[in-house]
Amino acid sequence: MAHIIVVGNEKGGSGKSTTSMHVATALVRMGHRVGTLDLDLRQQSLGRYIENRRAFCENEGHDLAIPAYMNLPDIPPEQVPQGVNINDHRLSLAVQELRQDNDFVLIDCPGSHTRLSQLAHSLADTLITPLNDSFVDFDLLARTRPKDGAILGPSVYSEMVWAARQTRAEAGLKPIDWIVTRNRLGSQQMHNKRKVGEALGKLSRRIGFRVAPGFSERVIFRELFPRGLTLLDLRDIGGDRLNLSNIAARQEVRDLIKTLALPGVTVRF
């Protein structure tokens, strides 16, 4: 069965869709079959990203690696089993279909708490939680004491992940490998960066996640989306020179894929 990767966080703007697209595309470039779902049914940033990529390849004549994308199927209410939520059923059918033809299924969750997101977390073999490098985002993981920053206990998102872990344990499934990535790391604000890093290190040992290198704050990420490109494509399309910043950003993608330690994946880019 395909390995399920879920990219989730209950806060918008943390880089979930950018992370999803780079992970999915990197896997396809390395020869793996990847199917994707976007559970943000309103904005669908990942779906738009892949749509832009297909259009760019068609218009510019490029043959780039493109992950498969699937919308949740439309199901008449009368075809939903009695007592089953219709959106739960739609997600289950979509995952079941994608798992048959792919090595990995990547699910991009919305930046809010939804029933679909909660169900997706319980399906995750690997959970990636992109986090802006600030205590505003850290507050989703843990409550802290304002006076000295001491960790008081898990917060809303950590509690949802805990519930998903319990659901998997009751079903006899293997534990979720939870990875928190630090995104938008700036070259300045070294004091804040150190304090957030220390707090994540303490919390990771307490509630059970791994901390992975994420993506620094770079203009290039905002420029890639309209063409559906990733940092790994810049050499292939020939129009963008790889400056030092872009080379460093490619290394960040490589480091993230290595840290994920996905089954059967050997990093080759």
C-alpha atoms as a PDB file:
ATOM      1  CA  MET A   1       0.000   0.000   0.000  1.00  0.00           C
ATOM      2  CA  ALA A   2       1.119   3.549  -0.680  1.00  0.00           C
ATOM      3  CA  HIS A   3       2.771   5.493   2.112  1.00  0.00           C
ATOM      4  CA  ILE A   4       0.560   8.425   3.160  1.00  0.00           C
ATOM      5  CA  ILE A   5       2.159  11.818   3.788  1.00  0.00           C
ATOM      6  CA  VAL A   6      -0.011  14.497   5.395  1.00  0.00           C
ATOM      7  CA  VAL A   7       1.048  18.144   5.479  1.00  0.00           C
ATOM      8  CA  GLY A   8      -0.910  19.861   8.227  1.00  0.00           C
ATOM      9  CA  ASN A   9      -1.062  22.836  10.530  1.00  0.00           C
ATOM     10  CA  GLU A  10      -4.079  24.743  11.839  1.00  0.00           C
ATOM     11  CA  LYS A  11      -2.596  28.113  10.867  1.00  0.00           C
ATOM     12  CA  GLY A  12      -2.502  29.633   7.413  1.00  0.00           C
ATOM     13  CA  GLY A  13       0.637  31.062   5.848  1.00  0.00           C
ATOM     14  CA  SER A  14       3.056  28.519   7.259  1.00  0.00           C
ATOM     15  CA  GLY A  15       4.140  27.172   3.858  1.00  0.00           C
ATOM     16  CA  LYS A  16       2.055  23.973   3.711  1.00  0.00           C
ATOM     17  CA  SER A  17       1.319  24.106  -0.020  1.00  0.00           C
ATOM     18  CA  THR A  18       4.888  25.115  -0.907  1.00  0.00           C
ATOM     19  CA  THR A  19       6.193  22.238   1.209  1.00  0.00           C
ATOM     20  CA  SER A  20       3.639  19.839  -0.299  1.00  0.00           C
ATOM     21  CA  MET A  21       4.552  20.765  -3.867  1.00  0.00           C
ATOM     22  CA  HIS A  22       8.292  20.508  -3.311  1.00  0.00           C
ATOM     23  CA  VAL A  23       8.053  17.154  -1.515  1.00  0.00           C
ATOM     24  CA  ALA A  24       5.657  15.674  -4.094  1.00  0.00           C
ATOM     25  CA  THR A  25       7.665  16.927  -7.067  1.00  0.00           C
ATOM     26  CA  ALA A  26      10.978  15.795  -5.587  1.00  0.00           C
ATOM     27  CA  LEU A  27       9.594  12.278  -5.166  1.00  0.00           C
ATOM     28  CA  VAL A  28       8.306  12.175  -8.752  1.00  0.00           C
ATOM     29  CA  ARG A  29      11.647  13.428 -10.050  1.00  0.00           C
ATOM     30  CA  MET A  30      13.323  10.514  -8.244  1.00  0.00           C
ATOM     31  CA  GLY A  31      11.073   8.016 -10.031  1.00  0.00           C
ATOM     32  CA  HIS A  32       8.319   7.495  -7.464  1.00  0.00           C
ATOM     33  CA  ARG A  33       4.614   7.593  -8.286  1.00  0.00           C
ATOM     34  CA  VAL A  34       2.860  10.265  -6.241  1.00  0.00           C
ATOM     35  CA  GLY A  35      -0.835  11.070  -5.967  1.00  0.00           C
ATOM     36  CA  THR A  36      -1.998  14.247  -4.242  1.00  0.00           C
ATOM     37  CA  LEU A  37      -5.136  15.610  -2.592  1.00  0.00           C
ATOM     38  CA  ASP A  38      -5.928  19.148  -1.459  1.00  0.00           C
ATOM     39  CA  LEU A  39      -8.384  19.292   1.436  1.00  0.00           C
ATOM     40  CA  ASP A  40      -8.666  23.083   1.392  1.00  0.00           C
ATOM     41  CA  LEU A  41     -11.856  22.809  -0.646  1.00  0.00           C
ATOM     42  CA  ARG A  42     -12.198  26.587  -0.975  1.00  0.00           C
ATOM     43  CA  GLN A  43      -8.713  27.887  -1.816  1.00  0.00           C
ATOM     44  CA  GLN A  44      -7.032  24.703  -3.130  1.00  0.00           C
ATOM     45  CA  SER A  45      -3.538  26.190  -3.292  1.00  0.00           C
ATOM     46  CA  LEU A  46      -1.883  22.830  -4.024  1.00  0.00           C
ATOM     47  CA  GLY A  47      -4.426  22.063  -6.739  1.00  0.00           C
ATOM     48  CA  ARG A  48      -3.816  25.471  -8.306  1.00  0.00           C
ATOM     49  CA  TYR A  49      -0.054  24.945  -8.042  1.00  0.00           C
ATOM     50  CA  ILE A  50      -0.256  21.692 -10.007  1.00  0.00           C
ATOM     51  CA  GLU A  51      -2.706  23.235 -12.485  1.00  0.00           C
ATOM     52  CA  ASN A  52      -0.243  26.085 -13.102  1.00  0.00           C
ATOM     53  CA  ARG A  53       2.524  23.535 -13.626  1.00  0.00           C
ATOM     54  CA  ARG A  54       0.562  21.633 -16.247  1.00  0.00           C
ATOM     55  CA  ALA A  55      -0.282  24.864 -18.078  1.00  0.00           C
ATOM     56  CA  PHE A  56       3.361  26.021 -18.017  1.00  0.00           C
ATOM     57  CA  CYS A  57       4.595  22.716 -19.440  1.00  0.00           C
ATOM     58  CA  GLU A  58       1.955  22.779 -22.179  1.00  0.00           C
ATOM     59  CA  ASN A  59       2.557  26.412 -23.141  1.00  0.00           C
ATOM     60  CA  GLU A  60       6.364  26.335 -22.942  1.00  0.00           C
ATOM     61  CA  GLY A  61       6.965  22.817 -24.247  1.00  0.00           C
ATOM     62  CA  HIS A  62       8.662  21.481 -21.118  1.00  0.00           C
ATOM     63  CA  ASP A  63       8.406  17.919 -19.853  1.00  0.00           C
ATOM     64  CA  LEU A  64       8.622  18.322 -16.088  1.00  0.00           C
ATOM     65  CA  ALA A  65       7.805  15.773 -13.414  1.00  0.00           C
ATOM     66  CA  ILE A  66       4.198  16.330 -12.317  1.00  0.00           C
ATOM     67  CA  PRO A  67       2.517  14.546  -9.403  1.00  0.00           C
ATOM     68  CA  ALA A  68      -0.942  13.154 -10.046  1.00  0.00           C
ATOM     69  CA  TYR A  69      -3.761  15.258  -8.618  1.00  0.00           C
ATOM     70  CA  MET A  70      -7.274  14.214  -7.699  1.00  0.00           C
ATOM     71  CA  ASN A  71     -10.292  16.128  -6.454  1.00  0.00           C
ATOM     72  CA  LEU A  72     -12.507  14.522  -3.864  1.00  0.00           C
ATOM     73  CA  PRO A  73     -15.183  12.591  -5.785  1.00  0.00           C
ATOM     74  CA  ASP A  74     -18.741  13.893  -5.904  1.00  0.00           C
ATOM     75  CA  ILE A  75     -21.055  11.329  -4.354  1.00  0.00           C
ATOM     76  CA  PRO A  76     -24.864  11.440  -4.368  1.00  0.00           C
ATOM     77  CA  PRO A  77     -26.107  11.398  -0.748  1.00  0.00           C
ATOM     78  CA  GLU A  78     -28.107   8.241  -1.381  1.00  0.00           C
ATOM     79  CA  GLN A  79     -24.884   6.350  -2.164  1.00  0.00           C
ATOM     80  CA  VAL A  80     -23.295   7.154   1.202  1.00  0.00           C
ATOM     81  CA  PRO A  81     -23.549   4.274   3.712  1.00  0.00           C
ATOM     82  CA  GLN A  82     -25.959   4.941   6.536  1.00  0.00           C
ATOM     83  CA  GLY A  83     -24.341   6.628   9.515  1.00  0.00           C
ATOM     84  CA  VAL A  84     -21.229   7.695   7.536  1.00  0.00           C
ATOM     85  CA  ASN A  85     -20.328  11.355   7.036  1.00  0.00           C
ATOM     86  CA  ILE A  86     -20.361  12.190   3.322  1.00  0.00           C
ATOM     87  CA  ASN A  87     -16.999  14.009   3.362  1.00  0.00           C
ATOM     88  CA  ASP A  88     -15.397  11.170   5.336  1.00  0.00           C
ATOM     89  CA  HIS A  89     -16.641   8.817   2.627  1.00  0.00           C
ATOM     90  CA  ARG A  90     -15.346  11.063  -0.171  1.00  0.00           C
ATOM     91  CA  LEU A  91     -11.872  11.204   1.383  1.00  0.00           C
ATOM     92  CA  SER A  92     -11.785   7.464   2.038  1.00  0.00           C
ATOM     93  CA  LEU A  93     -12.706   6.677  -1.573  1.00  0.00           C
ATOM     94  CA  ALA A  94     -10.117   9.122  -2.943  1.00  0.00           C
ATOM     95  CA  VAL A  95      -7.310   7.743  -0.762  1.00  0.00           C
ATOM     96  CA  GLN A  96      -8.295   4.183  -1.608  1.00  0.00           C
ATOM     97  CA  GLU A  97      -8.094   4.924  -5.341  1.00  0.00           C
ATOM     98  CA  LEU A  98      -4.793   6.804  -5.126  1.00  0.00           C
ATOM     99  CA  ARG A  99      -3.167   4.107  -2.986  1.00  0.00           C
ATOM    100  CA  GLN A 100      -3.733   1.519  -5.715  1.00  0.00           C
ATOM    101  CA  ASP A 101      -1.625   3.311  -8.334  1.00  0.00           C
ATOM    102  CA  ASN A 102       0.985   5.248  -6.373  1.00  0.00           C
ATOM    103  CA  ASP A 103       3.942   4.747  -4.067  1.00  0.00           C
ATOM    104  CA  PHE A 104       3.026   7.831  -2.039  1.00  0.00           C
ATOM    105  CA  VAL A 105      -0.180   9.738  -1.395  1.00  0.00           C
ATOM    106  CA  LEU A 106       0.357  13.316  -0.225  1.00  0.00           C
ATOM    107  CA  ILE A 107      -2.538  15.176   1.416  1.00  0.00           C
ATOM    108  CA  ASP A 108      -2.357  18.953   1.874  1.00  0.00           C
ATOM    109  CA  CYS A 109      -4.624  20.098   4.728  1.00  0.00           C
ATOM    110  CA  PRO A 110      -6.236  23.523   5.194  1.00  0.00           C
ATOM    111  CA  GLY A 111      -4.938  26.057   7.690  1.00  0.00           C
ATOM    112  CA  SER A 112      -7.860  25.483  10.027  1.00  0.00           C
ATOM    113  CA  HIS A 113      -9.452  22.702  12.026  1.00  0.00           C
ATOM    114  CA  THR A 114     -11.889  20.758   9.843  1.00  0.00           C
ATOM    115  CA  ARG A 115     -13.381  17.298   9.975  1.00  0.00           C
ATOM    116  CA  LEU A 116     -11.544  16.350   6.770  1.00  0.00           C
ATOM    117  CA  SER A 117      -8.228  17.512   8.196  1.00  0.00           C
ATOM    118  CA  GLN A 118      -8.806  15.551  11.397  1.00  0.00           C
ATOM    119  CA  LEU A 119      -9.543  12.387   9.421  1.00  0.00           C
ATOM    120  CA  ALA A 120      -6.516  12.925   7.175  1.00  0.00           C
ATOM    121  CA  HIS A 121      -4.227  13.150  10.207  1.00  0.00           C
ATOM    122  CA  SER A 122      -5.423   9.740  11.374  1.00  0.00           C
ATOM    123  CA  LEU A 123      -4.415   8.330   7.952  1.00  0.00           C
ATOM    124  CA  ALA A 124      -0.875   9.744   8.088  1.00  0.00           C
ATOM    125  CA  ASP A 125       2.132   7.459   8.051  1.00  0.00           C
ATOM    126  CA  THR A 126       4.273  10.604   7.919  1.00  0.00           C
ATOM    127  CA  LEU A 127       2.994  13.963   9.185  1.00  0.00           C
ATOM    128  CA  ILE A 128       4.796  17.156   8.172  1.00  0.00           C
ATOM    129  CA  THR A 129       3.903  20.291  10.124  1.00  0.00           C
ATOM    130  CA  PRO A 130       5.437  23.454   8.635  1.00  0.00           C
ATOM    131  CA  LEU A 131       5.832  26.136  11.282  1.00  0.00           C
ATOM    132  CA  ASN A 132       6.809  29.761  10.905  1.00  0.00           C
ATOM    133  CA  ASP A 133       9.759  30.427  13.159  1.00  0.00           C
ATOM    134  CA  SER A 134       7.841  32.398  15.785  1.00  0.00           C
ATOM    135  CA  PHE A 135       6.121  31.862  19.095  1.00  0.00           C
ATOM    136  CA  VAL A 136       2.826  32.818  17.431  1.00  0.00           C
ATOM    137  CA  ASP A 137       2.976  29.536  15.502  1.00  0.00           C
ATOM    138  CA  PHE A 138       4.579  27.676  18.409  1.00  0.00           C
ATOM    139  CA  ASP A 139       1.423  28.417  20.406  1.00  0.00           C
ATOM    140  CA  LEU A 140      -0.436  25.879  18.213  1.00  0.00           C
ATOM    141  CA  LEU A 141       1.831  23.162  19.581  1.00  0.00           C
ATOM    142  CA  ALA A 142       2.122  24.126  23.227  1.00  0.00           C
ATOM    143  CA  ARG A 143       0.929  26.591  25.840  1.00  0.00           C
ATOM    144  CA  THR A 144       3.715  28.497  27.513  1.00  0.00           C
ATOM    145  CA  ARG A 145       3.982  30.607  30.643  1.00  0.00           C
ATOM    146  CA  PRO A 146       4.486  34.264  29.637  1.00  0.00           C
ATOM    147  CA  LYS A 147       6.861  35.029  32.503  1.00  0.00           C
ATOM    148  CA  ASP A 148       9.592  32.564  31.625  1.00  0.00           C
ATOM    149  CA  GLY A 149       8.414  30.646  28.542  1.00  0.00           C
ATOM    150  CA  ALA A 150       8.050  27.377  30.438  1.00  0.00           C
ATOM    151  CA  ILE A 151       5.938  24.791  28.597  1.00  0.00           C
ATOM    152  CA  LEU A 152       2.632  24.266  30.409  1.00  0.00           C
ATOM    153  CA  GLY A 153       1.157  21.594  28.149  1.00  0.00           C
ATOM    154  CA  PRO A 154       0.092  20.709  24.611  1.00  0.00           C
ATOM    155  CA  SER A 155      -2.072  23.125  22.663  1.00  0.00           C
ATOM    156  CA  VAL A 156      -4.918  22.612  20.179  1.00  0.00           C
ATOM    157  CA  TYR A 157      -2.983  21.213  17.232  1.00  0.00           C
ATOM    158  CA  SER A 158      -0.867  18.854  19.318  1.00  0.00           C
ATOM    159  CA  GLU A 159      -4.054  17.567  20.915  1.00  0.00           C
ATOM    160  CA  MET A 160      -5.489  16.803  17.464  1.00  0.00           C
ATOM    161  CA  VAL A 161      -2.335  14.905  16.504  1.00  0.00           C
ATOM    162  CA  TRP A 162      -2.551  12.996  19.789  1.00  0.00           C
ATOM    163  CA  ALA A 163      -6.161  12.029  18.971  1.00  0.00           C
ATOM    164  CA  ALA A 164      -5.050  10.855  15.517  1.00  0.00           C
ATOM    165  CA  ARG A 165      -2.312   8.753  17.094  1.00  0.00           C
ATOM    166  CA  GLN A 166      -4.832   7.174  19.444  1.00  0.00           C
ATOM    167  CA  THR A 167      -7.147   6.371  16.534  1.00  0.00           C
ATOM    168  CA  ARG A 168      -4.301   4.659  14.668  1.00  0.00           C
ATOM    169  CA  ALA A 169      -3.239   2.712  17.753  1.00  0.00           C
ATOM    170  CA  GLU A 170      -6.784   1.435  18.263  1.00  0.00           C
ATOM    171  CA  ALA A 171      -6.856   0.318  14.623  1.00  0.00           C
ATOM    172  CA  GLY A 172      -3.542  -1.517  15.002  1.00  0.00           C
ATOM    173  CA  LEU A 173      -1.685   0.802  12.621  1.00  0.00           C
ATOM    174  CA  LYS A 174       1.933   1.880  13.012  1.00  0.00           C
ATOM    175  CA  PRO A 175       2.619   5.172  14.805  1.00  0.00           C
ATOM    176  CA  ILE A 176       2.732   8.466  12.945  1.00  0.00           C
ATOM    177  CA  ASP A 177       6.220   9.761  12.192  1.00  0.00           C
ATOM    178  CA  TRP A 178       5.657  13.442  13.000  1.00  0.00           C
ATOM    179  CA  ILE A 179       8.108  16.017  11.646  1.00  0.00           C
ATOM    180  CA  VAL A 180       7.916  19.733  12.448  1.00  0.00           C
ATOM    181  CA  THR A 181       9.743  21.964   9.965  1.00  0.00           C
ATOM    182  CA  ARG A 182      10.895  25.490  10.763  1.00  0.00           C
ATOM    183  CA  ASN A 183       9.970  27.725   7.823  1.00  0.00           C
ATOM    184  CA  ARG A 184      10.743  31.358   7.031  1.00  0.00           C
ATOM    185  CA  LEU A 185      13.957  31.353   8.971  1.00  0.00           C
ATOM    186  CA  GLY A 186      15.464  34.818   8.609  1.00  0.00           C
ATOM    187  CA  SER A 187      19.134  35.675   8.625  1.00  0.00           C
ATOM    188  CA  GLN A 188      18.457  38.199  11.382  1.00  0.00           C
ATOM    189  CA  GLN A 189      16.577  37.908  14.680  1.00  0.00           C
ATOM    190  CA  MET A 190      19.121  35.401  15.980  1.00  0.00           C
ATOM    191  CA  HIS A 191      17.862  35.714  19.570  1.00  0.00           C
ATOM    192  CA  ASN A 192      14.302  34.772  18.601  1.00  0.00           C
ATOM    193  CA  LYS A 193      15.548  31.967  16.355  1.00  0.00           C
ATOM    194  CA  ARG A 194      17.564  30.484  19.193  1.00  0.00           C
ATOM    195  CA  LYS A 195      14.693  30.704  21.676  1.00  0.00           C
ATOM    196  CA  VAL A 196      12.201  29.091  19.275  1.00  0.00           C
ATOM    197  CA  GLY A 197      14.734  26.364  18.509  1.00  0.00           C
ATOM    198  CA  GLU A 198      15.290  25.622  22.186  1.00  0.00           C
ATOM    199  CA  ALA A 199      11.539  25.510  22.863  1.00  0.00           C
ATOM    200  CA  LEU A 200      10.941  23.140  19.936  1.00  0.00           C
ATOM    201  CA  GLY A 201      13.743  20.889  21.115  1.00  0.00           C
ATOM    202  CA  LYS A 202      12.226  20.590  24.586  1.00  0.00           C
ATOM    203  CA  LEU A 203       8.719  20.059  23.240  1.00  0.00           C
ATOM    204  CA  SER A 204       9.818  17.462  20.672  1.00  0.00           C
ATOM    205  CA  ARG A 205      11.114  15.194  23.436  1.00  0.00           C
ATOM    206  CA  ARG A 206       7.963  15.725  25.454  1.00  0.00           C
ATOM    207  CA  ILE A 207       5.252  15.025  22.868  1.00  0.00           C
ATOM    208  CA  GLY A 208       7.164  13.035  20.270  1.00  0.00           C
ATOM    209  CA  PHE A 209       8.058  14.757  17.018  1.00  0.00           C
ATOM    210  CA  ARG A 210      11.245  15.322  15.051  1.00  0.00           C
ATOM    211  CA  VAL A 211      12.451  18.809  14.090  1.00  0.00           C
ATOM    212  CA  ALA A 212      13.544  19.158  10.478  1.00  0.00           C
ATOM    213  CA  PRO A 213      15.139  21.987   8.518  1.00  0.00           C
ATOM    214  CA  GLY A 214      12.524  23.909   6.565  1.00  0.00           C
ATOM    215  CA  PHE A 215      12.647  26.737   4.039  1.00  0.00           C
ATOM    216  CA  SER A 216      14.154  30.146   4.652  1.00  0.00           C
ATOM    217  CA  GLU A 217      12.314  33.347   3.758  1.00  0.00           C
ATOM    218  CA  ARG A 218      13.064  33.812   0.036  1.00  0.00           C
ATOM    219  CA  VAL A 219      11.375  35.840  -2.704  1.00  0.00           C
ATOM    220  CA  ILE A 220      11.881  32.959  -5.151  1.00  0.00           C
ATOM    221  CA  PHE A 221       9.103  30.901  -3.559  1.00  0.00           C
ATOM    222  CA  ARG A 222       6.509  33.570  -4.386  1.00  0.00           C
ATOM    223  CA  GLU A 223       7.810  33.810  -7.963  1.00  0.00           C
ATOM    224  CA  LEU A 224       7.550  30.068  -8.664  1.00  0.00           C
ATOM    225  CA  PHE A 225       3.844  29.545  -7.912  1.00  0.00           C
ATOM    226  CA  PRO A 226       2.339  31.277 -11.013  1.00  0.00           C
ATOM    227  CA  ARG A 227       4.322  28.931 -13.266  1.00  0.00           C
ATOM    228  CA  GLY A 228       3.845  25.913 -11.042  1.00  0.00           C
ATOM    229  CA  LEU A 229       7.593  25.513 -10.648  1.00  0.00           C
ATOM    230  CA  THR A 230       9.739  24.300  -7.788  1.00  0.00           C
ATOM    231  CA  LEU A 231      13.341  25.097  -6.961  1.00  0.00           C
ATOM    232  CA  LEU A 232      14.316  21.758  -8.477  1.00  0.00           C
ATOM    233  CA  ASP A 233      13.108  22.855 -11.943  1.00  0.00           C
ATOM    234  CA  LEU A 234      15.230  25.964 -12.454  1.00  0.00           C
ATOM    235  CA  ARG A 235      18.091  24.172 -14.195  1.00  0.00           C
ATOM    236  CA  ASP A 236      15.668  22.227 -16.400  1.00  0.00           C
ATOM    237  CA  ILE A 237      13.800  25.214 -17.831  1.00  0.00           C
ATOM    238  CA  GLY A 238      16.981  27.140 -18.623  1.00  0.00           C
ATOM    239  CA  GLY A 239      15.583  30.644 -18.154  1.00  0.00           C
ATOM    240  CA  ASP A 240      16.563  31.235 -14.551  1.00  0.00           C
ATOM    241  CA  ARG A 241      20.167  31.363 -13.450  1.00  0.00           C
ATOM    242  CA  LEU A 242      20.875  29.589 -10.209  1.00  0.00           C
ATOM    243  CA  ASN A 243      22.244  32.290  -7.927  1.00  0.00           C
ATOM    244  CA  LEU A 244      23.702  31.528  -4.528  1.00  0.00           C
ATOM    245  CA  SER A 245      20.329  32.012  -2.826  1.00  0.00           C
ATOM    246  CA  ASN A 246      18.641  29.531  -5.163  1.00  0.00           C
ATOM    247  CA  ILE A 247      21.425  26.990  -4.690  1.00  0.00           C
ATOM    248  CA  ALA A 248      21.041  27.300  -0.919  1.00  0.00           C
ATOM    249  CA  ALA A 249      17.276  26.871  -1.265  1.00  0.00           C
ATOM    250  CA  ARG A 250      17.742  23.685  -3.330  1.00  0.00           C
ATOM    251  CA  GLN A 251      19.920  22.357  -0.531  1.00  0.00           C
ATOM    252  CA  GLU A 252      17.091  23.056   1.917  1.00  0.00           C
ATOM    253  CA  VAL A 253      14.776  20.893  -0.188  1.00  0.00           C
ATOM    254  CA  ARG A 254      17.399  18.136  -0.281  1.00  0.00           C
ATOM    255  CA  ASP A 255      17.911  18.319   3.491  1.00  0.00           C
ATOM    256  CA  LEU A 256      14.164  18.106   4.128  1.00  0.00           C
ATOM    257  CA  ILE A 257      13.711  15.025   1.938  1.00  0.00           C
ATOM    258  CA  LYS A 258      16.653  13.336   3.647  1.00  0.00           C
ATOM    259  CA  THR A 259      15.279  14.098   7.105  1.00  0.00           C
ATOM    260  CA  LEU A 260      11.837  12.710   6.225  1.00  0.00           C
ATOM    261  CA  ALA A 261      13.474   9.290   5.715  1.00  0.00           C
ATOM    262  CA  LEU A 262      10.567   8.032   3.613  1.00  0.00           C
ATOM    263  CA  PRO A 263      10.525   4.302   2.809  1.00  0.00           C
ATOM    264  CA  GLY A 264      12.378   3.349  -0.350  1.00  0.00           C
ATOM    265  CA  VAL A 265      13.589   6.906  -1.022  1.00  0.00           C
ATOM    266  CA  THR A 266      17.226   7.642  -1.805  1.00  0.00           C
ATOM    267  CA  VAL A 267      17.807  11.347  -2.409  1.00  0.00           C
ATOM    268  CA  ARG A 268      19.165  11.892  -5.933  1.00  0.00           C
ATOM    269  CA  PHE A 269      18.983  15.553  -6.912  1.00  0.00           C
END
